Amino acid sequence: MLILGYVLTISVYAFTFGHYLAHVFDFGSWLPGVPGFAVIAILALVNMRGVGDSSRLEIIAVWGKLLVIVGLILLVFLGRPYILKRISG
């Protein structure tokens, strides 16, 4: 069951990352597969290296997410919500 949860988590990361890049750069329908495959390959290589590298990557990912959230909050509080509208489509 743990492996299934892990596979589903990686699949969601790959799918959303690929589609996000395709939306931002507007390269067409072929783009989501390329970064999706890259995400899966990178995460597989990190996991093959061991638990230490995996935990380091997880810590970096969490700090990155926090920085993005703080940046979005600052954009709203600094009176620039139009940037968020432009990004979201």
Protein backbone atom coordinates (compact mmCIF):
# COMPACT_ATOMS: atom_id res chain seq x y z
CA MET A 1 0.00 0.00 0.00
CA LEU A 2 2.88 2.36 0.76
CA ILE A 3 4.39 1.84 -2.69
CA LEU A 4 1.04 2.52 -4.35
CA GLY A 5 0.72 5.81 -2.46
CA TYR A 6 4.24 6.78 -3.45
CA VAL A 7 3.65 5.95 -7.13
CA LEU A 8 0.44 7.98 -7.13
CA THR A 9 2.21 10.95 -5.50
CA ILE A 10 5.00 10.93 -8.09
CA SER A 11 2.42 10.60 -10.86
CA VAL A 12 0.56 13.67 -9.60
CA TYR A 13 3.82 15.64 -9.40
CA ALA A 14 4.76 14.66 -12.95
CA PHE A 15 1.32 15.32 -14.39
CA THR A 16 0.79 18.72 -12.76
CA PHE A 17 4.34 19.93 -13.40
CA GLY A 18 4.13 19.00 -17.07
CA HIS A 19 0.75 20.61 -17.59
CA TYR A 20 1.77 23.72 -15.65
CA LEU A 21 4.79 24.22 -17.92
CA ALA A 22 2.69 23.57 -21.02
CA HIS A 23 0.19 26.21 -19.87
CA VAL A 24 2.82 28.79 -18.95
CA PHE A 25 4.92 28.44 -22.10
CA ASP A 26 2.12 27.44 -24.50
CA PHE A 27 4.21 24.94 -26.48
CA GLY A 28 1.36 22.63 -27.36
CA SER A 29 0.09 19.25 -26.33
CA TRP A 30 3.43 17.41 -26.65
CA LEU A 31 5.12 19.33 -23.83
CA PRO A 32 3.51 17.83 -20.69
CA GLY A 33 5.00 14.41 -21.35
CA VAL A 34 8.62 15.59 -21.49
CA PRO A 35 8.87 17.31 -18.08
CA GLY A 36 6.59 14.65 -16.61
CA PHE A 37 9.06 11.96 -17.65
CA ALA A 38 11.94 14.11 -16.35
CA VAL A 39 10.29 14.48 -12.94
CA ILE A 40 9.77 10.73 -12.65
CA ALA A 41 13.35 10.00 -13.76
CA ILE A 42 14.88 12.53 -11.33
CA LEU A 43 12.82 11.29 -8.40
CA ALA A 44 13.71 7.68 -9.22
CA LEU A 45 17.43 8.53 -9.33
CA VAL A 46 17.23 10.40 -6.03
CA ASN A 47 15.46 7.46 -4.40
CA MET A 48 18.07 5.03 -5.72
CA ARG A 49 20.77 7.09 -4.01
CA GLY A 50 19.20 6.59 -0.60
CA VAL A 51 17.07 7.99 2.17
CA GLY A 52 19.43 10.88 2.95
CA ASP A 53 19.14 12.39 -0.52
CA SER A 54 15.39 11.80 -0.57
CA SER A 55 14.88 13.61 2.71
CA ARG A 56 17.08 16.50 1.56
CA LEU A 57 15.04 16.84 -1.63
CA GLU A 58 11.81 16.79 0.38
CA ILE A 59 13.07 19.57 2.67
CA ILE A 60 14.10 21.67 -0.34
CA ALA A 61 10.69 21.10 -1.98
CA VAL A 62 8.83 22.16 1.17
CA TRP A 63 10.90 25.33 1.54
CA GLY A 64 10.33 26.08 -2.15
CA LYS A 65 6.57 25.72 -1.72
CA LEU A 66 6.66 28.01 1.32
CA LEU A 67 8.60 30.65 -0.62
CA VAL A 68 6.06 30.53 -3.46
CA ILE A 69 3.16 30.88 -1.02
CA VAL A 70 4.83 33.80 0.79
CA GLY A 71 5.57 35.44 -2.57
CA LEU A 72 1.95 35.15 -3.65
CA ILE A 73 0.74 36.57 -0.35
CA LEU A 74 3.15 39.49 -0.66
CA LEU A 75 1.91 40.19 -4.20
CA VAL A 76 -1.64 40.46 -2.91
CA PHE A 77 -0.76 42.58 0.13
CA LEU A 78 1.48 44.90 -1.86
CA GLY A 79 -1.47 45.76 -4.07
CA ARG A 80 -0.47 43.85 -7.17
CA PRO A 81 -3.21 41.23 -7.52
CA TYR A 82 -3.36 41.94 -11.27
CA ILE A 83 -0.19 39.86 -11.61
CA LEU A 84 -2.05 36.86 -10.21
CA LYS A 85 -4.88 37.40 -12.71
CA ARG A 86 -2.40 37.52 -15.58
CA ILE A 87 -0.69 34.30 -14.42
CA SER A 88 -3.93 32.38 -13.89
CA GLY A 89 -5.14 33.07 -17.39
